Amino acid sequence: MTSLLALALAAAPDGGVPALVDVAARLPDAVVDLRYATAENFMGKAVYPPTARCLLVEPSARRLEVAATTLRAQGYRLRLYDCYRPRSVQWELWRVFPKPGYVADPRKGSNHNRGGAVDLSLVTLDGGAVAMPSPYDFFGPAAHHGFDGGTAEARANRERLAAAMTGAGFTINPMEWWHYDLPDARRYPLRDEPFSGTSAHGK
């Protein structure tokens, strides 16, 4: 077990609301591509401000560092689509697509609302696109981890990402190849701080 992963497994809430980590400060080579700060998502509009950041609770950030290290050695970098999501935005998504498995019921909350989930993909070390079985935010069988269609290259890339993420201690969402959860994310509180008012640290 790597030292980073050991630290991630040992980290736990201290009884208060935990700070959120700015992932870009931890992983400067990651491509931060927050789709909900653009119109390139299933909503067809930006629901995050342009100043939105990829924020996660500490154990999620540490696990992501482990996965990034594994993938970097294989010739890939992370592409980050979504991280912490204010609960008010969860309500907006739910009103448009109220289908559990793809969009979490905001009454129960999403692990994104806790800083305990991340949506991501891969790019090559030089920033080149990497094929996946479906686009991000695609609601259909091609997004499922068990989908055996598409190209062999796309399926291999999906499995490469899955191996690195589960090896770092994340769990998969069977319906979305891009979505990974902190196993004990529900220990953390649901949050609704706007990005402009959310405190975060890089170390």
C-alpha atoms as a PDB file:
ATOM      1  CA  MET A   1       0.000   0.000   0.000  1.00  0.00           C
ATOM      2  CA  THR A   2       1.407   3.394  -0.915  1.00  0.00           C
ATOM      3  CA  SER A   3       1.969   5.977   1.795  1.00  0.00           C
ATOM      4  CA  LEU A   4      -0.563   8.290   0.133  1.00  0.00           C
ATOM      5  CA  LEU A   5      -3.230   5.611   0.164  1.00  0.00           C
ATOM      6  CA  ALA A   6      -2.454   4.769   3.785  1.00  0.00           C
ATOM      7  CA  LEU A   7      -3.000   8.422   4.709  1.00  0.00           C
ATOM      8  CA  ALA A   8      -6.233   8.503   2.734  1.00  0.00           C
ATOM      9  CA  LEU A   9      -7.579   5.461   4.528  1.00  0.00           C
ATOM     10  CA  ALA A  10      -6.633   6.905   7.911  1.00  0.00           C
ATOM     11  CA  ALA A  11      -8.236  10.318   7.346  1.00  0.00           C
ATOM     12  CA  ALA A  12     -11.600  10.930   8.991  1.00  0.00           C
ATOM     13  CA  PRO A  13     -13.903  13.856   9.821  1.00  0.00           C
ATOM     14  CA  ASP A  14     -12.937  15.688  13.035  1.00  0.00           C
ATOM     15  CA  GLY A  15     -16.511  16.331  14.113  1.00  0.00           C
ATOM     16  CA  GLY A  16     -16.861  19.669  12.321  1.00  0.00           C
ATOM     17  CA  VAL A  17     -17.496  20.522   8.701  1.00  0.00           C
ATOM     18  CA  PRO A  18     -14.297  19.427   6.943  1.00  0.00           C
ATOM     19  CA  ALA A  19     -12.429  21.801   4.689  1.00  0.00           C
ATOM     20  CA  LEU A  20     -12.459  21.119   0.992  1.00  0.00           C
ATOM     21  CA  VAL A  21      -9.226  20.604  -0.926  1.00  0.00           C
ATOM     22  CA  ASP A  22      -8.591  22.433  -4.204  1.00  0.00           C
ATOM     23  CA  VAL A  23      -7.566  19.493  -6.383  1.00  0.00           C
ATOM     24  CA  ALA A  24      -5.790  21.690  -8.953  1.00  0.00           C
ATOM     25  CA  ALA A  25      -3.285  22.638  -6.249  1.00  0.00           C
ATOM     26  CA  ARG A  26      -2.617  18.969  -5.506  1.00  0.00           C
ATOM     27  CA  LEU A  27      -2.579  17.797  -9.123  1.00  0.00           C
ATOM     28  CA  PRO A  28      -1.318  20.655 -11.288  1.00  0.00           C
ATOM     29  CA  ASP A  29      -1.127  18.378 -14.331  1.00  0.00           C
ATOM     30  CA  ALA A  30      -4.836  17.454 -14.144  1.00  0.00           C
ATOM     31  CA  VAL A  31      -7.104  18.981 -16.773  1.00  0.00           C
ATOM     32  CA  VAL A  32      -9.902  20.772 -14.920  1.00  0.00           C
ATOM     33  CA  ASP A  33     -12.872  20.653 -17.297  1.00  0.00           C
ATOM     34  CA  LEU A  34     -15.870  21.395 -15.064  1.00  0.00           C
ATOM     35  CA  ARG A  35     -18.731  20.814 -17.478  1.00  0.00           C
ATOM     36  CA  TYR A  36     -21.370  22.354 -15.207  1.00  0.00           C
ATOM     37  CA  ALA A  37     -19.532  25.672 -15.471  1.00  0.00           C
ATOM     38  CA  THR A  38     -20.246  25.523 -19.217  1.00  0.00           C
ATOM     39  CA  ALA A  39     -23.206  24.687 -21.455  1.00  0.00           C
ATOM     40  CA  GLU A  40     -21.571  21.361 -22.385  1.00  0.00           C
ATOM     41  CA  ASN A  41     -23.712  19.175 -20.122  1.00  0.00           C
ATOM     42  CA  PHE A  42     -27.150  17.570 -20.142  1.00  0.00           C
ATOM     43  CA  MET A  43     -28.708  20.781 -18.782  1.00  0.00           C
ATOM     44  CA  GLY A  44     -27.516  22.700 -21.830  1.00  0.00           C
ATOM     45  CA  LYS A  45     -26.466  25.650 -19.674  1.00  0.00           C
ATOM     46  CA  ALA A  46     -23.940  26.619 -17.021  1.00  0.00           C
ATOM     47  CA  VAL A  47     -25.147  25.927 -13.476  1.00  0.00           C
ATOM     48  CA  TYR A  48     -21.784  26.691 -11.844  1.00  0.00           C
ATOM     49  CA  PRO A  49     -20.092  30.093 -11.945  1.00  0.00           C
ATOM     50  CA  PRO A  50     -17.008  30.456 -14.170  1.00  0.00           C
ATOM     51  CA  THR A  51     -14.932  30.626 -10.975  1.00  0.00           C
ATOM     52  CA  ALA A  52     -15.959  27.078  -9.914  1.00  0.00           C
ATOM     53  CA  ARG A  53     -13.131  24.801  -8.758  1.00  0.00           C
ATOM     54  CA  CYS A  54     -12.666  21.056  -8.347  1.00  0.00           C
ATOM     55  CA  LEU A  55     -13.057  20.688  -4.576  1.00  0.00           C
ATOM     56  CA  LEU A  56     -13.039  17.448  -2.556  1.00  0.00           C
ATOM     57  CA  VAL A  57     -12.766  16.383   1.073  1.00  0.00           C
ATOM     58  CA  GLU A  58      -9.255  15.380   2.087  1.00  0.00           C
ATOM     59  CA  PRO A  59      -9.632  11.574   1.833  1.00  0.00           C
ATOM     60  CA  SER A  60     -11.024  11.913  -1.700  1.00  0.00           C
ATOM     61  CA  ALA A  61      -8.188  14.217  -2.733  1.00  0.00           C
ATOM     62  CA  ARG A  62      -5.560  11.838  -1.364  1.00  0.00           C
ATOM     63  CA  ARG A  63      -7.067   8.855  -3.148  1.00  0.00           C
ATOM     64  CA  LEU A  64      -7.146  10.877  -6.346  1.00  0.00           C
ATOM     65  CA  GLU A  65      -3.424  11.576  -5.955  1.00  0.00           C
ATOM     66  CA  VAL A  66      -2.821   7.828  -5.732  1.00  0.00           C
ATOM     67  CA  ALA A  67      -4.860   7.163  -8.886  1.00  0.00           C
ATOM     68  CA  ALA A  68      -3.122   9.998 -10.744  1.00  0.00           C
ATOM     69  CA  THR A  69       0.295   8.599  -9.853  1.00  0.00           C
ATOM     70  CA  THR A  70      -0.708   5.169 -11.164  1.00  0.00           C
ATOM     71  CA  LEU A  71      -2.072   6.573 -14.416  1.00  0.00           C
ATOM     72  CA  ARG A  72       0.840   8.965 -14.973  1.00  0.00           C
ATOM     73  CA  ALA A  73       3.174   5.962 -15.041  1.00  0.00           C
ATOM     74  CA  GLN A  74       0.970   4.491 -17.788  1.00  0.00           C
ATOM     75  CA  GLY A  75       1.094   7.657 -19.904  1.00  0.00           C
ATOM     76  CA  TYR A  76      -2.139   9.375 -18.823  1.00  0.00           C
ATOM     77  CA  ARG A  77      -3.367  12.375 -16.837  1.00  0.00           C
ATOM     78  CA  LEU A  78      -6.753  12.981 -15.214  1.00  0.00           C
ATOM     79  CA  ARG A  79      -9.509  15.064 -16.783  1.00  0.00           C
ATOM     80  CA  LEU A  80     -11.872  16.312 -14.066  1.00  0.00           C
ATOM     81  CA  TYR A  81     -15.512  16.861 -15.036  1.00  0.00           C
ATOM     82  CA  ASP A  82     -17.179  17.385 -11.638  1.00  0.00           C
ATOM     83  CA  CYS A  83     -16.207  17.354  -7.957  1.00  0.00           C
ATOM     84  CA  TYR A  84     -17.996  19.141  -5.105  1.00  0.00           C
ATOM     85  CA  ARG A  85     -21.485  20.239  -6.172  1.00  0.00           C
ATOM     86  CA  PRO A  86     -23.635  22.603  -4.069  1.00  0.00           C
ATOM     87  CA  ARG A  87     -26.896  20.982  -3.018  1.00  0.00           C
ATOM     88  CA  SER A  88     -28.915  23.820  -4.594  1.00  0.00           C
ATOM     89  CA  VAL A  89     -27.457  22.768  -7.960  1.00  0.00           C
ATOM     90  CA  GLN A  90     -28.501  19.179  -7.215  1.00  0.00           C
ATOM     91  CA  TRP A  91     -32.081  20.416  -7.081  1.00  0.00           C
ATOM     92  CA  GLU A  92     -31.673  22.037 -10.502  1.00  0.00           C
ATOM     93  CA  LEU A  93     -30.380  18.783 -12.019  1.00  0.00           C
ATOM     94  CA  TRP A  94     -33.149  16.761 -10.360  1.00  0.00           C
ATOM     95  CA  ARG A  95     -35.900  19.004 -11.715  1.00  0.00           C
ATOM     96  CA  VAL A  96     -34.668  18.353 -15.250  1.00  0.00           C
ATOM     97  CA  PHE A  97     -33.807  14.630 -14.926  1.00  0.00           C
ATOM     98  CA  PRO A  98     -35.265  13.000 -11.774  1.00  0.00           C
ATOM     99  CA  LYS A  99     -33.846   9.537 -12.362  1.00  0.00           C
ATOM    100  CA  PRO A 100     -31.897   7.915  -9.477  1.00  0.00           C
ATOM    101  CA  GLY A 101     -28.742   6.206 -10.640  1.00  0.00           C
ATOM    102  CA  TYR A 102     -27.976   9.089 -12.961  1.00  0.00           C
ATOM    103  CA  VAL A 103     -29.043  12.051 -10.804  1.00  0.00           C
ATOM    104  CA  ALA A 104     -29.298  11.641  -7.034  1.00  0.00           C
ATOM    105  CA  ASP A 105     -32.455  12.745  -5.248  1.00  0.00           C
ATOM    106  CA  PRO A 106     -31.462  16.017  -3.526  1.00  0.00           C
ATOM    107  CA  ARG A 107     -33.639  15.147  -0.532  1.00  0.00           C
ATOM    108  CA  LYS A 108     -31.124  12.395   0.225  1.00  0.00           C
ATOM    109  CA  GLY A 109     -28.234  14.208  -1.408  1.00  0.00           C
ATOM    110  CA  SER A 110     -25.446  13.163  -3.713  1.00  0.00           C
ATOM    111  CA  ASN A 111     -21.932  12.283  -2.659  1.00  0.00           C
ATOM    112  CA  HIS A 112     -20.945  15.213  -4.884  1.00  0.00           C
ATOM    113  CA  ASN A 113     -22.751  17.415  -2.343  1.00  0.00           C
ATOM    114  CA  ARG A 114     -20.408  16.019   0.312  1.00  0.00           C
ATOM    115  CA  GLY A 115     -17.178  16.481  -1.630  1.00  0.00           C
ATOM    116  CA  GLY A 116     -16.979  12.698  -1.701  1.00  0.00           C
ATOM    117  CA  ALA A 117     -17.493  11.955  -5.405  1.00  0.00           C
ATOM    118  CA  VAL A 118     -15.615  12.833  -8.569  1.00  0.00           C
ATOM    119  CA  ASP A 119     -16.507  12.569 -12.263  1.00  0.00           C
ATOM    120  CA  LEU A 120     -13.464  12.169 -14.471  1.00  0.00           C
ATOM    121  CA  SER A 121     -11.805  10.755 -17.549  1.00  0.00           C
ATOM    122  CA  LEU A 122      -8.324  10.562 -19.048  1.00  0.00           C
ATOM    123  CA  VAL A 123      -6.098  12.522 -21.390  1.00  0.00           C
ATOM    124  CA  THR A 124      -2.673  11.542 -22.675  1.00  0.00           C
ATOM    125  CA  LEU A 125       0.385  13.134 -21.099  1.00  0.00           C
ATOM    126  CA  ASP A 126       0.488  15.674 -23.940  1.00  0.00           C
ATOM    127  CA  GLY A 127      -3.219  16.488 -23.474  1.00  0.00           C
ATOM    128  CA  GLY A 128      -4.591  14.367 -26.292  1.00  0.00           C
ATOM    129  CA  ALA A 129      -8.141  13.024 -26.234  1.00  0.00           C
ATOM    130  CA  VAL A 130      -8.743   9.488 -24.962  1.00  0.00           C
ATOM    131  CA  ALA A 131     -11.658   7.436 -26.314  1.00  0.00           C
ATOM    132  CA  MET A 132     -14.345   6.249 -23.879  1.00  0.00           C
ATOM    133  CA  PRO A 133     -17.478   4.190 -24.592  1.00  0.00           C
ATOM    134  CA  SER A 134     -19.786   7.222 -24.328  1.00  0.00           C
ATOM    135  CA  PRO A 135     -19.611  10.967 -23.836  1.00  0.00           C
ATOM    136  CA  TYR A 136     -19.769  12.383 -20.318  1.00  0.00           C
ATOM    137  CA  ASP A 137     -23.336  12.867 -19.011  1.00  0.00           C
ATOM    138  CA  PHE A 138     -24.710  10.289 -21.434  1.00  0.00           C
ATOM    139  CA  PHE A 139     -27.820   8.580 -20.079  1.00  0.00           C
ATOM    140  CA  GLY A 140     -27.897   5.141 -21.640  1.00  0.00           C
ATOM    141  CA  PRO A 141     -26.305   1.672 -21.686  1.00  0.00           C
ATOM    142  CA  ALA A 142     -23.063   2.888 -23.282  1.00  0.00           C
ATOM    143  CA  ALA A 143     -22.308   4.756 -20.046  1.00  0.00           C
ATOM    144  CA  HIS A 144     -22.552   1.576 -17.948  1.00  0.00           C
ATOM    145  CA  HIS A 145     -19.424  -0.186 -16.723  1.00  0.00           C
ATOM    146  CA  GLY A 146     -20.769  -3.462 -18.066  1.00  0.00           C
ATOM    147  CA  PHE A 147     -21.324  -2.153 -21.610  1.00  0.00           C
ATOM    148  CA  ASP A 148     -19.505  -4.408 -24.070  1.00  0.00           C
ATOM    149  CA  GLY A 149     -20.167  -2.394 -27.239  1.00  0.00           C
ATOM    150  CA  GLY A 150     -18.150   0.362 -28.813  1.00  0.00           C
ATOM    151  CA  THR A 151     -14.481  -0.023 -29.641  1.00  0.00           C
ATOM    152  CA  ALA A 152     -11.987  -2.235 -27.866  1.00  0.00           C
ATOM    153  CA  GLU A 153      -9.829   0.857 -27.299  1.00  0.00           C
ATOM    154  CA  ALA A 154     -12.639   2.722 -25.536  1.00  0.00           C
ATOM    155  CA  ARG A 155     -13.452  -0.251 -23.301  1.00  0.00           C
ATOM    156  CA  ALA A 156      -9.764  -0.692 -22.443  1.00  0.00           C
ATOM    157  CA  ASN A 157      -9.520   2.968 -21.442  1.00  0.00           C
ATOM    158  CA  ARG A 158     -12.619   2.643 -19.256  1.00  0.00           C
ATOM    159  CA  GLU A 159     -11.054  -0.367 -17.538  1.00  0.00           C
ATOM    160  CA  ARG A 160      -7.720   1.416 -17.135  1.00  0.00           C
ATOM    161  CA  LEU A 161      -9.439   4.282 -15.343  1.00  0.00           C
ATOM    162  CA  ALA A 162     -11.493   1.877 -13.232  1.00  0.00           C
ATOM    163  CA  ALA A 163      -8.443  -0.123 -12.172  1.00  0.00           C
ATOM    164  CA  ALA A 164      -6.580   2.995 -11.059  1.00  0.00           C
ATOM    165  CA  MET A 165      -9.551   4.462  -9.209  1.00  0.00           C
ATOM    166  CA  THR A 166     -10.621   1.287  -7.416  1.00  0.00           C
ATOM    167  CA  GLY A 167      -6.962   0.553  -6.660  1.00  0.00           C
ATOM    168  CA  ALA A 168      -6.832   3.934  -4.922  1.00  0.00           C
ATOM    169  CA  GLY A 169      -9.860   3.049  -2.801  1.00  0.00           C
ATOM    170  CA  PHE A 170     -12.788   4.542  -4.729  1.00  0.00           C
ATOM    171  CA  THR A 171     -15.957   2.647  -5.602  1.00  0.00           C
ATOM    172  CA  ILE A 172     -17.620   2.724  -9.022  1.00  0.00           C
ATOM    173  CA  ASN A 173     -21.108   3.746 -10.048  1.00  0.00           C
ATOM    174  CA  PRO A 174     -22.191   0.862 -12.331  1.00  0.00           C
ATOM    175  CA  MET A 175     -24.303   3.205 -14.473  1.00  0.00           C
ATOM    176  CA  GLU A 176     -21.630   5.855 -15.124  1.00  0.00           C
ATOM    177  CA  TRP A 177     -18.079   4.996 -16.187  1.00  0.00           C
ATOM    178  CA  TRP A 178     -16.902   8.478 -15.115  1.00  0.00           C
ATOM    179  CA  HIS A 179     -18.333   8.548 -11.552  1.00  0.00           C
ATOM    180  CA  TYR A 180     -16.364   7.363  -8.495  1.00  0.00           C
ATOM    181  CA  ASP A 181     -17.261   7.609  -4.801  1.00  0.00           C
ATOM    182  CA  LEU A 182     -15.394   7.749  -1.542  1.00  0.00           C
ATOM    183  CA  PRO A 183     -16.594   4.523   0.166  1.00  0.00           C
ATOM    184  CA  ASP A 184     -17.618   6.252   3.394  1.00  0.00           C
ATOM    185  CA  ALA A 185     -18.753   9.525   1.791  1.00  0.00           C
ATOM    186  CA  ARG A 186     -22.027   9.482   3.727  1.00  0.00           C
ATOM    187  CA  ARG A 187     -20.072  10.198   6.914  1.00  0.00           C
ATOM    188  CA  TYR A 188     -19.582  13.715   5.564  1.00  0.00           C
ATOM    189  CA  PRO A 189     -22.254  16.419   5.686  1.00  0.00           C
ATOM    190  CA  LEU A 190     -24.317  17.579   2.735  1.00  0.00           C
ATOM    191  CA  ARG A 191     -23.178  21.074   1.790  1.00  0.00           C
ATOM    192  CA  ASP A 192     -24.550  24.019  -0.114  1.00  0.00           C
ATOM    193  CA  GLU A 193     -21.770  26.594   0.050  1.00  0.00           C
ATOM    194  CA  PRO A 194     -21.401  28.540  -3.194  1.00  0.00           C
ATOM    195  CA  PHE A 195     -18.007  28.206  -4.857  1.00  0.00           C
ATOM    196  CA  SER A 196     -17.210  31.864  -4.179  1.00  0.00           C
ATOM    197  CA  GLY A 197     -17.704  31.366  -0.455  1.00  0.00           C
ATOM    198  CA  THR A 198     -16.252  27.880  -0.035  1.00  0.00           C
ATOM    199  CA  SER A 199     -13.001  27.700   1.850  1.00  0.00           C
ATOM    200  CA  ALA A 200     -10.427  25.324   0.426  1.00  0.00           C
ATOM    201  CA  HIS A 201      -6.775  24.530   0.845  1.00  0.00           C
ATOM    202  CA  GLY A 202      -4.215  22.964  -1.404  1.00  0.00           C
ATOM    203  CA  LYS A 203      -2.138  20.967   1.050  1.00  0.00           C
END
